[in-house]
Amino acid sequence: MTKRPALRRGVRLTYDDVRQTHVVLFPEGVLVPNSTATAVLQRCDGESTVNQIVEALAQRYAGVRKEDVESVLDRFAQRRVIEWR
């Protein structure tokens, strides 16, 4: 897949000191992603392809599968957290 995911305009991934976890702030609300989803979102810069994101995650974590990363990205696209470039 050569598409490049990016956080949509108005969406921020930030660390919430109160919750002591990452949160996604977007116009429709707040999401508290798990650590896997956070790792994927941190790489959604509009420059990296899905394959590059998978490769970066595979260097850091064991058992990374492209299908799983694509599934996470699809869910965030449905929630309008990311967009494809």
C-alpha atoms as a PDB file:
ATOM      1  CA  MET A   1       0.000   0.000   0.000  1.00  0.00           C
ATOM      2  CA  THR A   2       1.577   3.312  -1.050  1.00  0.00           C
ATOM      3  CA  LYS A   3      -0.936   5.517   0.686  1.00  0.00           C
ATOM      4  CA  ARG A   4       0.438   7.718   3.410  1.00  0.00           C
ATOM      5  CA  PRO A   5      -1.678   8.128   6.547  1.00  0.00           C
ATOM      6  CA  ALA A   6      -1.688  11.438   8.406  1.00  0.00           C
ATOM      7  CA  LEU A   7      -3.571  12.827  11.347  1.00  0.00           C
ATOM      8  CA  ARG A   8      -6.478  14.910  10.065  1.00  0.00           C
ATOM      9  CA  ARG A   9      -6.526  18.627  10.567  1.00  0.00           C
ATOM     10  CA  GLY A  10      -7.649  19.406  14.107  1.00  0.00           C
ATOM     11  CA  VAL A  11      -6.518  16.021  15.473  1.00  0.00           C
ATOM     12  CA  ARG A  12      -3.726  15.748  18.014  1.00  0.00           C
ATOM     13  CA  LEU A  13      -2.022  12.811  19.650  1.00  0.00           C
ATOM     14  CA  THR A  14      -0.771  13.950  23.024  1.00  0.00           C
ATOM     15  CA  TYR A  15       0.191  12.583  26.414  1.00  0.00           C
ATOM     16  CA  ASP A  16      -2.368  13.202  29.149  1.00  0.00           C
ATOM     17  CA  ASP A  17      -0.590  13.575  32.490  1.00  0.00           C
ATOM     18  CA  VAL A  18      -3.821  13.073  34.440  1.00  0.00           C
ATOM     19  CA  ARG A  19      -4.634   9.755  32.753  1.00  0.00           C
ATOM     20  CA  GLN A  20      -0.926   8.923  32.353  1.00  0.00           C
ATOM     21  CA  THR A  21      -1.520   7.701  28.815  1.00  0.00           C
ATOM     22  CA  HIS A  22      -1.673   8.987  25.266  1.00  0.00           C
ATOM     23  CA  VAL A  23      -4.957  10.436  24.048  1.00  0.00           C
ATOM     24  CA  VAL A  24      -6.251  11.454  20.650  1.00  0.00           C
ATOM     25  CA  LEU A  25      -8.016  14.797  20.716  1.00  0.00           C
ATOM     26  CA  PHE A  26     -10.337  15.501  17.800  1.00  0.00           C
ATOM     27  CA  PRO A  27     -13.409  17.662  17.196  1.00  0.00           C
ATOM     28  CA  GLU A  28     -15.808  14.786  17.858  1.00  0.00           C
ATOM     29  CA  GLY A  29     -14.224  13.807  21.171  1.00  0.00           C
ATOM     30  CA  VAL A  30     -11.339  12.060  22.848  1.00  0.00           C
ATOM     31  CA  LEU A  31      -9.999   8.558  22.275  1.00  0.00           C
ATOM     32  CA  VAL A  32      -7.656   6.665  24.565  1.00  0.00           C
ATOM     33  CA  PRO A  33      -5.735   4.356  22.226  1.00  0.00           C
ATOM     34  CA  ASN A  34      -3.925   1.296  23.482  1.00  0.00           C
ATOM     35  CA  SER A  35      -0.135   1.152  23.197  1.00  0.00           C
ATOM     36  CA  THR A  36      -0.259  -0.592  19.811  1.00  0.00           C
ATOM     37  CA  ALA A  37      -2.573   2.002  18.306  1.00  0.00           C
ATOM     38  CA  THR A  38      -0.462   4.793  19.805  1.00  0.00           C
ATOM     39  CA  ALA A  39       2.674   3.366  18.188  1.00  0.00           C
ATOM     40  CA  VAL A  40       0.894   3.335  14.815  1.00  0.00           C
ATOM     41  CA  LEU A  41      -0.514   6.864  15.203  1.00  0.00           C
ATOM     42  CA  GLN A  42       2.892   8.261  16.150  1.00  0.00           C
ATOM     43  CA  ARG A  43       4.061   7.278  12.680  1.00  0.00           C
ATOM     44  CA  CYS A  44       1.121   8.809  10.781  1.00  0.00           C
ATOM     45  CA  ASP A  45       3.079  11.811   9.530  1.00  0.00           C
ATOM     46  CA  GLY A  46       1.792  11.981   5.956  1.00  0.00           C
ATOM     47  CA  GLU A  47       5.252  11.008   4.708  1.00  0.00           C
ATOM     48  CA  SER A  48       5.571   7.371   5.759  1.00  0.00           C
ATOM     49  CA  THR A  49       3.803   4.670   3.761  1.00  0.00           C
ATOM     50  CA  VAL A  50       1.995   1.813   5.446  1.00  0.00           C
ATOM     51  CA  ASN A  51       4.885  -0.479   4.538  1.00  0.00           C
ATOM     52  CA  GLN A  52       7.363   1.911   6.147  1.00  0.00           C
ATOM     53  CA  ILE A  53       5.232   2.099   9.285  1.00  0.00           C
ATOM     54  CA  VAL A  54       5.107  -1.702   9.448  1.00  0.00           C
ATOM     55  CA  GLU A  55       8.892  -1.919   9.008  1.00  0.00           C
ATOM     56  CA  ALA A  56       9.516   0.655  11.749  1.00  0.00           C
ATOM     57  CA  LEU A  57       7.208  -1.146  14.148  1.00  0.00           C
ATOM     58  CA  ALA A  58       8.756  -4.537  13.312  1.00  0.00           C
ATOM     59  CA  GLN A  59      12.169  -3.198  14.322  1.00  0.00           C
ATOM     60  CA  ARG A  60      10.784  -2.330  17.735  1.00  0.00           C
ATOM     61  CA  TYR A  61       8.178  -5.042  18.383  1.00  0.00           C
ATOM     62  CA  ALA A  62       8.019  -8.765  17.654  1.00  0.00           C
ATOM     63  CA  GLY A  63       5.181 -10.212  15.592  1.00  0.00           C
ATOM     64  CA  VAL A  64       4.096  -7.072  13.730  1.00  0.00           C
ATOM     65  CA  ARG A  65       1.794  -7.981  10.846  1.00  0.00           C
ATOM     66  CA  LYS A  66       0.864  -5.661   8.011  1.00  0.00           C
ATOM     67  CA  GLU A  67      -2.769  -6.780   8.191  1.00  0.00           C
ATOM     68  CA  ASP A  68      -2.968  -5.694  11.836  1.00  0.00           C
ATOM     69  CA  VAL A  69      -1.491  -2.259  11.114  1.00  0.00           C
ATOM     70  CA  GLU A  70      -3.890  -1.809   8.194  1.00  0.00           C
ATOM     71  CA  SER A  71      -6.790  -2.791  10.451  1.00  0.00           C
ATOM     72  CA  VAL A  72      -5.793  -0.169  13.047  1.00  0.00           C
ATOM     73  CA  LEU A  73      -5.455   2.464  10.323  1.00  0.00           C
ATOM     74  CA  ASP A  74      -8.828   1.532   8.825  1.00  0.00           C
ATOM     75  CA  ARG A  75     -10.538   1.955  12.193  1.00  0.00           C
ATOM     76  CA  PHE A  76      -8.943   5.370  12.684  1.00  0.00           C
ATOM     77  CA  ALA A  77      -9.938   6.388   9.170  1.00  0.00           C
ATOM     78  CA  GLN A  78     -13.544   5.397   9.919  1.00  0.00           C
ATOM     79  CA  ARG A  79     -13.433   7.543  13.070  1.00  0.00           C
ATOM     80  CA  ARG A  80     -12.039  10.416  10.964  1.00  0.00           C
ATOM     81  CA  VAL A  81      -8.838  10.547  13.004  1.00  0.00           C
ATOM     82  CA  ILE A  82      -6.545   9.981  10.020  1.00  0.00           C
ATOM     83  CA  GLU A  83      -6.718  10.772   6.339  1.00  0.00           C
ATOM     84  CA  TRP A  84      -4.929   9.214   3.395  1.00  0.00           C
ATOM     85  CA  ARG A  85      -2.517  11.149   1.224  1.00  0.00           C
END
